């Protein structure tokens, strides 16, 4: 999972998606025609929580049909017709500071700057590949 502050690089279009080099390298090692899922989340992550990380790890295990993976909280039923993906990548886009500040102002909390939210996110996902 990675974080990005440049939302332009992941616009929905028919062409290739600009990914960080280390993610591109993972895809380059896969055989042609391999099914790859890309999970994308846009959120405040102020701060990132165990729930944010669990969402990605559970979805990854589910899509790879690995109900017994190390990060799985509990097994779940899966339709036999649901395709299985060989690789699942996760991208997390933190909301910009204006949005987060406005959101937290209603609760009286102070927003963390984007750079700190990105650092916390990288630390929270460091043990997940």
Protein backbone atom coordinates (compact mmCIF):
# COMPACT_ATOMS: atom_id res chain seq x y z
CA UNK A 1 0.00 0.00 0.00
CA UNK A 2 1.27 3.46 -0.80
CA UNK A 3 0.17 7.02 -0.21
CA UNK A 4 -0.04 9.76 -2.80
CA UNK A 5 -0.74 13.44 -2.60
CA UNK A 6 -0.84 13.83 -6.39
CA UNK A 7 -4.35 12.66 -7.26
CA UNK A 8 -3.77 13.38 -10.97
CA UNK A 9 -1.62 10.26 -11.36
CA UNK A 10 -4.54 7.93 -10.66
CA UNK A 11 -7.23 9.42 -12.87
CA UNK A 12 -9.66 6.86 -14.27
CA UNK A 13 -8.85 6.39 -17.95
CA UNK A 14 -8.23 3.71 -20.54
CA UNK A 15 -4.45 4.05 -20.56
CA UNK A 16 -1.80 2.93 -18.13
CA UNK A 17 -1.77 4.20 -14.55
CA UNK A 18 1.39 5.86 -13.25
CA UNK A 19 2.50 3.78 -10.28
CA UNK A 20 5.52 4.16 -8.00
CA UNK A 21 8.59 2.30 -9.30
CA UNK A 22 8.45 -0.40 -6.63
CA UNK A 23 4.84 -1.26 -7.52
CA UNK A 24 5.60 -1.24 -11.23
CA UNK A 25 8.49 -3.62 -10.57
CA UNK A 26 6.11 -6.05 -8.82
CA UNK A 27 3.82 -6.00 -11.84
CA UNK A 28 6.70 -6.35 -14.31
CA UNK A 29 7.56 -9.71 -12.71
CA UNK A 30 4.08 -11.14 -13.34
CA UNK A 31 3.32 -13.15 -16.49
CA UNK A 32 1.28 -11.42 -19.20
CA UNK A 33 -2.45 -11.82 -18.64
CA UNK A 34 -2.17 -12.13 -14.86
CA UNK A 35 -5.21 -10.77 -13.02
CA UNK A 36 -4.29 -7.81 -10.82
CA UNK A 37 -6.70 -5.85 -8.61
CA UNK A 38 -6.04 -2.27 -7.59
CA UNK A 39 -7.70 -1.14 -4.35
CA UNK A 40 -7.97 2.63 -3.98
CA UNK A 41 -9.11 4.58 -0.95
CA UNK A 42 -9.50 8.31 -0.52
CA UNK A 43 -9.77 9.34 3.12
CA UNK A 44 -8.72 11.73 5.84
CA UNK A 45 -6.57 9.17 7.68
CA UNK A 46 -6.21 11.68 10.48
CA UNK A 47 -4.76 9.54 11.85
CA UNK A 48 -4.65 6.22 10.06
CA UNK A 49 -6.20 3.45 12.15
CA UNK A 50 -5.96 -0.31 12.45
CA UNK A 51 -9.34 -0.38 10.66
CA UNK A 52 -7.94 1.40 7.60
CA UNK A 53 -5.11 -1.14 7.32
CA UNK A 54 -7.42 -4.09 8.03
CA UNK A 55 -9.72 -2.99 5.20
CA UNK A 56 -6.86 -3.41 2.73
CA UNK A 57 -5.45 -6.63 4.18
CA UNK A 58 -8.88 -8.30 4.38
CA UNK A 59 -9.79 -7.22 0.85
CA UNK A 60 -6.43 -8.44 -0.46
CA UNK A 61 -6.83 -11.85 1.16
CA UNK A 62 -10.41 -12.09 -0.12
CA UNK A 63 -9.53 -11.18 -3.70
CA UNK A 64 -6.56 -13.57 -3.71
CA UNK A 65 -8.85 -16.27 -2.25
CA UNK A 66 -6.61 -16.64 0.77
CA UNK A 67 -9.13 -16.89 3.63
CA UNK A 68 -6.41 -18.25 5.92
CA UNK A 69 -3.85 -15.49 5.32
CA UNK A 70 -1.86 -14.06 8.24
CA UNK A 71 -3.83 -10.79 8.25
CA UNK A 72 -7.32 -12.29 8.00
CA UNK A 73 -9.52 -11.49 10.97
CA UNK A 74 -12.08 -14.18 10.14
CA UNK A 75 -12.94 -16.34 7.12
CA UNK A 76 -15.92 -15.27 5.03
CA UNK A 77 -18.12 -16.94 2.43
CA UNK A 78 -16.99 -16.47 -1.16
CA UNK A 79 -18.93 -17.10 -4.34
CA UNK A 80 -17.33 -19.71 -6.57
CA UNK A 81 -17.95 -17.42 -9.56
CA UNK A 82 -15.86 -14.58 -8.12
CA UNK A 83 -12.58 -14.30 -10.00
CA UNK A 84 -9.31 -14.78 -8.13
CA UNK A 85 -6.49 -12.26 -8.51
CA UNK A 86 -2.83 -13.22 -8.50
CA UNK A 87 -1.83 -9.83 -7.08
CA UNK A 88 -3.71 -7.12 -5.22
CA UNK A 89 -2.20 -3.66 -4.77
CA UNK A 90 -3.51 -0.96 -2.45
CA UNK A 91 -3.24 2.79 -2.88
CA UNK A 92 -4.30 5.26 -0.22
CA UNK A 93 -4.86 8.88 -1.15
CA UNK A 94 -5.01 11.16 1.91
CA UNK A 95 -7.49 14.02 1.56
CA UNK A 96 -5.96 17.45 1.25
CA UNK A 97 -5.44 19.63 4.32
CA UNK A 98 -8.36 21.94 3.58
CA UNK A 99 -10.87 19.10 3.58
CA UNK A 100 -9.47 17.48 6.73
CA UNK A 101 -9.24 20.80 8.63
CA UNK A 102 -12.84 21.62 7.73
CA UNK A 103 -14.03 18.13 8.73
CA UNK A 104 -12.26 18.12 12.10
CA UNK A 105 -13.18 21.71 12.92
CA UNK A 106 -16.74 20.50 13.57
CA UNK A 107 -15.45 18.24 16.35
CA UNK A 108 -12.99 20.75 17.75
CA UNK A 109 -9.99 18.61 16.78
CA UNK A 110 -6.90 19.85 14.99
CA UNK A 111 -5.90 18.23 11.70
CA UNK A 112 -2.49 16.71 11.14
CA UNK A 113 -0.57 18.13 8.21
CA UNK A 114 -0.57 15.98 5.07
CA UNK A 115 3.13 15.13 5.38
CA UNK A 116 2.58 13.75 8.90
CA UNK A 117 -0.45 11.73 7.82
CA UNK A 118 1.63 10.27 4.97
CA UNK A 119 4.47 9.39 7.37
CA UNK A 120 2.07 7.74 9.82
CA UNK A 121 0.46 5.80 6.98
CA UNK A 122 3.80 4.51 5.71
CA UNK A 123 4.71 3.42 9.25
CA UNK A 124 1.32 1.71 9.74
CA UNK A 125 1.64 -0.36 6.56
CA UNK A 126 5.38 -1.05 6.68
CA UNK A 127 4.89 -4.66 7.81
CA UNK A 128 2.49 -5.41 4.95
CA UNK A 129 3.91 -6.09 1.52
